[in-house]
Amino acid sequence: MNFSDLHDDTEDVHHPPHERLAAAKRSTWVSVVVNVVLSALQITVGVFAKSQALIADGIHSLSDLVSDFVVLLAGHHASKDADQDHPYGHQRYETAASLVLGVLLLAVGVGMLWSAVEKLQSPDAIPKVHVLALWVAGAALLSKELLFRYMLAVAKRVKSSMLVANAWHARSDAASSLVVGVGIVGNLAGFPLLDPIAALMVGVMVAKMGWGFGWEALHDLMDRAVDEEEVAAIHQTLLGTPGVMGVHDVRTRKMGDMIVVDAHLEIDANLTIEAGHDIAVEARDRVLQRHRVLNLMTHLDPWKRPDRDHDAVGGVA
């Protein structure tokens, strides 16, 4: 999982809510179609071929359907305009969706672990897997990897952490299908324990991914700041505004995939209030145009020119 994909560049392109919603819907419906086909195929063939690992992978694909609809629901609400009760908008619906995805994955992973452990306690009862299961696992691996690459490309284009989370969910499916394939090969080669062991490994991978998503979203809901690199870029944009003599106390907090910023701007103390206000407005416009900033609140501090005569006496001038 790599959320740094959201800010590869120092200056981010702003995407309107309707464009982000359209991209989320399009990519998520592609995921829905793929997961419906795969889950039905994996579970059906898994039962027929007597492969617990393939059934576990099918359940994993089935859980993706639930997460896909969570993404669609969150994307719909996150695109709503600000209102009296939500003056900063509804972007945190996306963060909440990521948290739900994390909890869902964690629960599914724990269930897989429980089932696999029970199976390993009775090794003599583990049946030999039919070769058809291997072909289905291979097809699932290819489909999920292609789905991951498509969804991640869309997520990076519109700068959506919620879509990044859903894309990496698809990548976790691809990894689990690879493990399932290895377990099936081992079972066919005469090592029946490898099939439930593969199911166990899938459970660990899914649970770990769920914990990661949930932990990240929980921090974002607690007003976590963005990384130092992005703060430095915003600081530089403010400092580059004509009339801004200095910048300090730049504070950020995440609002979904957007950022709310507070900053102190140092303005020439001899300027009028109106002139200082115009400089602050220009600084705000620059930041909103160049970065994924939802709102910038500025505080103006007076900046006084150095006393040249005093400096000359001190030997500095």
Protein backbone atom coordinates (compact mmCIF):
# COMPACT_ATOMS: atom_id res chain seq x y z
CA MET A 1 0.00 0.00 0.00
CA ASN A 2 1.57 3.31 -1.04
CA PHE A 3 -0.41 6.49 -0.48
CA SER A 4 2.56 8.62 -1.57
CA ASP A 5 1.26 7.93 -5.10
CA LEU A 6 -1.24 10.70 -4.41
CA HIS A 7 1.39 13.44 -4.38
CA ASP A 8 4.20 12.46 -6.69
CA ASP A 9 4.53 16.06 -7.87
CA THR A 10 5.14 19.20 -5.86
CA GLU A 11 2.15 20.81 -7.57
CA ASP A 12 -1.06 18.80 -7.75
CA VAL A 13 -3.73 19.14 -10.41
CA HIS A 14 -7.12 19.86 -8.90
CA HIS A 15 -9.93 17.60 -10.04
CA PRO A 16 -13.55 18.76 -9.61
CA PRO A 17 -15.81 16.57 -7.43
CA HIS A 18 -17.89 15.44 -10.41
CA GLU A 19 -14.78 14.21 -12.23
CA ARG A 20 -13.57 12.29 -9.17
CA LEU A 21 -17.03 10.76 -8.70
CA ALA A 22 -17.23 9.71 -12.36
CA ALA A 23 -13.78 8.10 -12.21
CA ALA A 24 -14.66 6.28 -8.98
CA LYS A 25 -17.92 4.95 -10.44
CA ARG A 26 -16.34 3.82 -13.69
CA SER A 27 -13.40 1.97 -12.15
CA THR A 28 -15.49 0.50 -9.34
CA TRP A 29 -18.13 -0.92 -11.68
CA VAL A 30 -15.35 -2.58 -13.68
CA SER A 31 -14.20 -4.13 -10.39
CA VAL A 32 -17.77 -5.25 -9.60
CA VAL A 33 -18.08 -7.14 -12.91
CA VAL A 34 -14.67 -8.80 -12.52
CA ASN A 35 -15.33 -9.85 -8.92
CA VAL A 36 -18.81 -11.23 -9.64
CA VAL A 37 -17.40 -13.51 -12.33
CA LEU A 38 -14.32 -14.53 -10.34
CA SER A 39 -16.05 -15.20 -7.02
CA ALA A 40 -18.70 -17.38 -8.68
CA LEU A 41 -16.08 -19.29 -10.65
CA GLN A 42 -13.64 -19.73 -7.75
CA ILE A 43 -16.19 -20.89 -5.19
CA THR A 44 -17.96 -23.24 -7.63
CA VAL A 45 -14.75 -24.81 -8.92
CA GLY A 46 -13.26 -24.80 -5.42
CA VAL A 47 -16.11 -26.92 -4.09
CA PHE A 48 -15.97 -29.24 -7.13
CA ALA A 49 -12.16 -29.54 -7.06
CA LYS A 50 -12.04 -29.84 -3.24
CA SER A 51 -9.64 -26.91 -2.81
CA GLN A 52 -10.02 -24.98 0.42
CA ALA A 53 -7.49 -22.43 -0.80
CA LEU A 54 -9.50 -21.67 -3.94
CA ILE A 55 -12.71 -21.36 -1.92
CA ALA A 56 -10.93 -18.94 0.44
CA ASP A 57 -9.77 -16.91 -2.54
CA GLY A 58 -13.33 -16.88 -3.87
CA ILE A 59 -14.61 -15.55 -0.54
CA HIS A 60 -11.91 -12.89 -0.74
CA SER A 61 -13.22 -11.90 -4.19
CA LEU A 62 -16.76 -11.90 -2.79
CA SER A 63 -15.71 -9.49 -0.04
CA ASP A 64 -14.48 -7.16 -2.79
CA LEU A 65 -18.07 -6.78 -3.98
CA VAL A 66 -19.07 -5.41 -0.59
CA SER A 67 -16.08 -3.04 -0.57
CA ASP A 68 -16.88 -1.91 -4.11
CA PHE A 69 -20.36 -0.84 -3.07
CA VAL A 70 -18.93 0.90 0.00
CA VAL A 71 -16.67 2.89 -2.35
CA LEU A 72 -19.60 3.80 -4.60
CA LEU A 73 -21.67 4.95 -1.62
CA ALA A 74 -18.81 6.98 -0.12
CA GLY A 75 -17.94 8.56 -3.47
CA HIS A 76 -21.53 9.71 -3.89
CA HIS A 77 -21.63 11.39 -0.48
CA ALA A 78 -18.09 12.81 -0.65
CA SER A 79 -18.94 14.72 -3.83
CA LYS A 80 -21.67 16.74 -2.12
CA ASP A 81 -21.09 20.46 -1.72
CA ALA A 82 -20.43 22.07 1.63
CA ASP A 83 -23.50 22.95 3.70
CA GLN A 84 -24.30 24.56 7.03
CA ASP A 85 -23.59 21.40 9.00
CA HIS A 86 -20.47 20.53 6.96
CA PRO A 87 -18.77 23.84 6.06
CA TYR A 88 -15.68 22.04 4.77
CA GLY A 89 -17.64 19.61 2.62
CA HIS A 90 -18.08 15.83 2.89
CA GLN A 91 -14.64 14.61 1.85
CA ARG A 92 -14.19 12.54 4.99
CA TYR A 93 -16.76 10.09 3.71
CA GLU A 94 -13.83 8.72 1.67
CA THR A 95 -11.72 8.32 4.83
CA ALA A 96 -14.62 6.58 6.56
CA ALA A 97 -14.95 4.27 3.54
CA SER A 98 -11.27 3.35 3.80
CA LEU A 99 -11.81 2.54 7.48
CA VAL A 100 -14.78 0.30 6.62
CA LEU A 101 -12.69 -1.44 3.95
CA GLY A 102 -9.98 -2.07 6.51
CA VAL A 103 -12.37 -3.55 9.08
CA LEU A 104 -13.99 -5.70 6.39
CA LEU A 105 -10.67 -7.08 5.20
CA LEU A 106 -9.52 -7.73 8.76
CA ALA A 107 -12.70 -9.69 9.55
CA VAL A 108 -12.46 -11.74 6.34
CA GLY A 109 -8.78 -12.49 7.01
CA VAL A 110 -9.43 -13.69 10.55
CA GLY A 111 -12.24 -15.94 9.28
CA MET A 112 -9.90 -17.49 6.70
CA LEU A 113 -7.26 -18.09 9.36
CA TRP A 114 -9.76 -19.84 11.63
CA SER A 115 -10.99 -22.11 8.83
CA ALA A 116 -7.46 -23.02 7.69
CA VAL A 117 -6.26 -23.82 11.20
CA GLU A 118 -9.22 -26.16 11.71
CA LYS A 119 -8.35 -27.94 8.47
CA LEU A 120 -4.69 -28.33 9.45
CA GLN A 121 -5.72 -30.08 12.66
CA SER A 122 -7.03 -33.00 10.57
CA PRO A 123 -4.35 -33.55 7.89
CA ASP A 124 -5.57 -37.06 7.04
CA ALA A 125 -8.94 -35.67 5.95
CA ILE A 126 -7.45 -33.29 3.37
CA PRO A 127 -8.50 -34.50 -0.12
CA LYS A 128 -6.47 -34.29 -3.32
CA VAL A 129 -7.31 -31.24 -5.41
CA HIS A 130 -8.52 -31.49 -9.01
CA VAL A 131 -6.24 -29.92 -11.64
CA LEU A 132 -9.08 -27.61 -12.79
CA ALA A 133 -8.52 -25.57 -9.63
CA LEU A 134 -5.03 -24.64 -10.84
CA TRP A 135 -6.35 -23.22 -14.12
CA VAL A 136 -8.94 -21.11 -12.28
CA ALA A 137 -6.31 -19.82 -9.84
CA GLY A 138 -4.12 -18.79 -12.79
CA ALA A 139 -6.99 -16.98 -14.51
CA ALA A 140 -7.85 -15.20 -11.25
CA LEU A 141 -4.24 -14.10 -10.77
CA LEU A 142 -4.05 -12.54 -14.23
CA SER A 143 -7.47 -10.86 -13.95
CA LYS A 144 -6.77 -9.33 -10.55
CA GLU A 145 -3.35 -8.02 -11.50
CA LEU A 146 -4.78 -6.30 -14.57
CA LEU A 147 -7.63 -4.90 -12.46
CA PHE A 148 -5.14 -3.55 -9.91
CA ARG A 149 -3.09 -1.74 -12.55
CA TYR A 150 -6.19 -0.18 -14.10
CA MET A 151 -7.67 0.96 -10.77
CA LEU A 152 -4.37 2.36 -9.46
CA ALA A 153 -3.88 4.38 -12.65
CA VAL A 154 -7.34 5.93 -12.19
CA ALA A 155 -6.71 6.59 -8.47
CA LYS A 156 -3.42 8.38 -9.17
CA ARG A 157 -4.98 10.47 -11.93
CA VAL A 158 -7.75 11.86 -9.71
CA LYS A 159 -5.71 11.80 -6.45
CA SER A 160 -8.08 9.59 -4.45
CA SER A 161 -6.81 7.65 -1.42
CA MET A 162 -10.12 5.75 -1.29
CA LEU A 163 -9.54 4.46 -4.84
CA VAL A 164 -5.92 3.69 -3.98
CA ALA A 165 -7.17 1.56 -1.08
CA ASN A 166 -9.57 -0.28 -3.37
CA ALA A 167 -6.85 -0.78 -5.99
CA TRP A 168 -4.47 -2.30 -3.46
CA HIS A 169 -7.32 -4.48 -2.30
CA ALA A 170 -7.31 -5.88 -5.84
CA ARG A 171 -3.51 -6.33 -5.66
CA SER A 172 -3.91 -8.28 -2.41
CA ASP A 173 -6.30 -10.53 -4.33
CA ALA A 174 -3.67 -11.08 -7.03
CA ALA A 175 -1.07 -11.98 -4.41
CA SER A 176 -3.48 -14.36 -2.69
CA SER A 177 -4.26 -16.05 -6.03
CA LEU A 178 -0.53 -16.60 -6.53
CA VAL A 179 -0.25 -18.24 -3.11
CA VAL A 180 -3.34 -20.34 -3.86
CA GLY A 181 -1.79 -21.50 -7.13
CA VAL A 182 1.39 -22.61 -5.34
CA GLY A 183 -0.67 -24.46 -2.73
CA ILE A 184 -2.68 -26.27 -5.41
CA VAL A 185 0.49 -27.27 -7.26
CA GLY A 186 1.88 -28.67 -4.00
CA ASN A 187 -1.30 -30.62 -3.36
CA LEU A 188 -1.23 -32.09 -6.88
CA ALA A 189 2.44 -33.02 -6.35
CA GLY A 190 1.55 -35.16 -3.35
CA PHE A 191 1.73 -32.65 -0.49
CA PRO A 192 -1.94 -32.20 0.54
CA LEU A 193 -1.12 -29.93 3.49
CA LEU A 194 -0.02 -27.19 1.11
CA ASP A 195 -3.60 -26.38 0.09
CA PRO A 196 -4.82 -25.41 3.61
CA ILE A 197 -1.43 -23.78 4.28
CA ALA A 198 -2.05 -21.62 1.21
CA ALA A 199 -5.49 -20.75 2.58
CA LEU A 200 -3.81 -19.83 5.88
CA MET A 201 -1.35 -17.52 4.11
CA VAL A 202 -4.18 -15.84 2.20
CA GLY A 203 -5.88 -15.16 5.53
CA VAL A 204 -2.73 -13.55 6.93
CA MET A 205 -2.31 -11.36 3.85
CA VAL A 206 -5.92 -10.20 3.90
CA ALA A 207 -5.88 -9.47 7.66
CA LYS A 208 -2.61 -7.53 7.37
CA MET A 209 -3.96 -5.45 4.50
CA GLY A 210 -7.14 -4.71 6.46
CA TRP A 211 -5.16 -3.59 9.50
CA GLY A 212 -3.08 -1.26 7.34
CA PHE A 213 -6.08 0.41 5.72
CA GLY A 214 -7.92 0.76 9.01
CA TRP A 215 -4.92 2.21 10.85
CA GLU A 216 -4.23 4.78 8.10
CA ALA A 217 -7.87 5.88 7.97
CA LEU A 218 -8.08 6.13 11.76
CA HIS A 219 -5.10 8.51 11.83
CA ASP A 220 -6.63 10.64 9.07
CA LEU A 221 -9.89 10.92 11.01
CA MET A 222 -7.84 12.30 13.92
CA ASP A 223 -6.64 15.26 11.81
CA ARG A 224 -3.24 13.86 10.88
CA ALA A 225 -0.97 16.31 9.06
CA VAL A 226 0.38 15.61 5.58
CA ASP A 227 4.04 14.70 5.13
CA GLU A 228 6.87 17.23 5.45
CA GLU A 229 7.55 17.30 1.72
CA GLU A 230 4.04 18.46 0.90
CA VAL A 231 4.07 21.00 3.74
CA ALA A 232 7.36 22.38 2.39
CA ALA A 233 5.84 22.72 -1.10
CA ILE A 234 2.87 24.68 0.28
CA HIS A 235 5.26 26.84 2.34
CA GLN A 236 7.27 27.63 -0.79
CA THR A 237 4.16 28.62 -2.75
CA LEU A 238 3.12 31.00 0.04
CA LEU A 239 6.60 32.48 0.28
CA GLY A 240 6.66 33.04 -3.48
CA THR A 241 3.60 35.28 -3.37
CA PRO A 242 4.47 38.95 -4.04
CA GLY A 243 4.23 40.92 -0.80
CA VAL A 244 4.75 37.96 1.51
CA MET A 245 7.98 38.64 3.42
CA GLY A 246 7.93 35.50 5.53
CA VAL A 247 5.87 32.43 6.40
CA HIS A 248 5.70 30.46 9.63
CA ASP A 249 3.45 28.12 11.64
CA VAL A 250 2.13 26.27 8.59
CA ARG A 251 -0.23 23.61 9.93
CA THR A 252 -2.14 21.04 7.91
CA ARG A 253 -4.84 18.44 8.49
CA LYS A 254 -6.32 15.98 6.07
CA MET A 255 -9.93 16.25 4.96
CA GLY A 256 -10.47 13.11 2.90
CA ASP A 257 -8.02 13.48 0.02
CA MET A 258 -7.87 17.24 0.43
CA ILE A 259 -5.95 19.37 2.92
CA VAL A 260 -7.00 22.20 5.23
CA VAL A 261 -4.14 24.62 5.92
CA ASP A 262 -3.48 27.34 8.53
CA ALA A 263 -0.53 29.69 8.02
CA HIS A 264 0.94 32.91 9.39
CA LEU A 265 2.03 35.37 6.70
CA GLU A 266 4.45 38.20 7.44
CA ILE A 267 3.36 41.37 5.63
CA ASP A 268 5.00 44.81 5.55
CA ALA A 269 3.70 46.64 8.64
CA ASN A 270 3.48 49.93 6.69
CA LEU A 271 0.86 48.60 4.27
CA THR A 272 -2.84 49.29 4.68
CA ILE A 273 -5.22 46.60 5.92
CA GLU A 274 -6.73 46.45 2.44
CA ALA A 275 -3.32 45.87 0.81
CA GLY A 276 -2.49 43.15 3.32
CA HIS A 277 -5.83 41.51 2.67
CA ASP A 278 -5.21 41.51 -1.09
CA ILE A 279 -1.83 39.81 -0.57
CA ALA A 280 -3.44 37.14 1.63
CA VAL A 281 -6.13 36.50 -1.01
CA GLU A 282 -3.46 36.13 -3.70
CA ALA A 283 -1.51 33.70 -1.51
CA ARG A 284 -4.65 31.64 -0.90
CA ASP A 285 -5.53 31.51 -4.60
CA ARG A 286 -2.01 30.33 -5.49
CA VAL A 287 -2.10 27.52 -2.95
CA LEU A 288 -5.57 26.32 -3.98
CA GLN A 289 -4.54 26.28 -7.63
CA ARG A 290 -1.27 24.43 -7.16
CA HIS A 291 -1.98 21.99 -4.35
CA ARG A 292 -4.77 19.67 -3.21
CA VAL A 293 -5.84 22.21 -0.61
CA LEU A 294 -9.51 22.61 0.23
CA ASN A 295 -9.15 25.79 2.28
CA LEU A 296 -6.37 28.08 3.55
CA MET A 297 -6.84 30.20 6.66
CA THR A 298 -4.24 32.96 7.01
CA HIS A 299 -3.14 35.12 9.92
CA LEU A 300 -1.22 38.30 9.08
CA ASP A 301 1.80 39.30 11.17
CA PRO A 302 3.49 42.72 10.79
CA TRP A 303 6.94 42.69 9.21
CA LYS A 304 9.19 45.68 9.78
CA ARG A 305 12.03 46.66 7.50
CA PRO A 306 15.52 46.46 9.07
CA ASP A 307 16.74 49.76 10.53
CA ARG A 308 19.62 50.61 8.18
CA ASP A 309 21.07 53.31 10.45
CA HIS A 310 21.10 50.95 13.41
CA ASP A 311 22.71 48.24 11.29
CA ALA A 312 25.36 50.67 10.10
CA VAL A 313 26.31 51.57 13.68
CA GLY A 314 26.62 47.93 14.53
CA GLY A 315 28.82 47.39 11.50
CA VAL A 316 26.36 45.06 9.78
CA ALA A 317 25.37 47.22 6.82
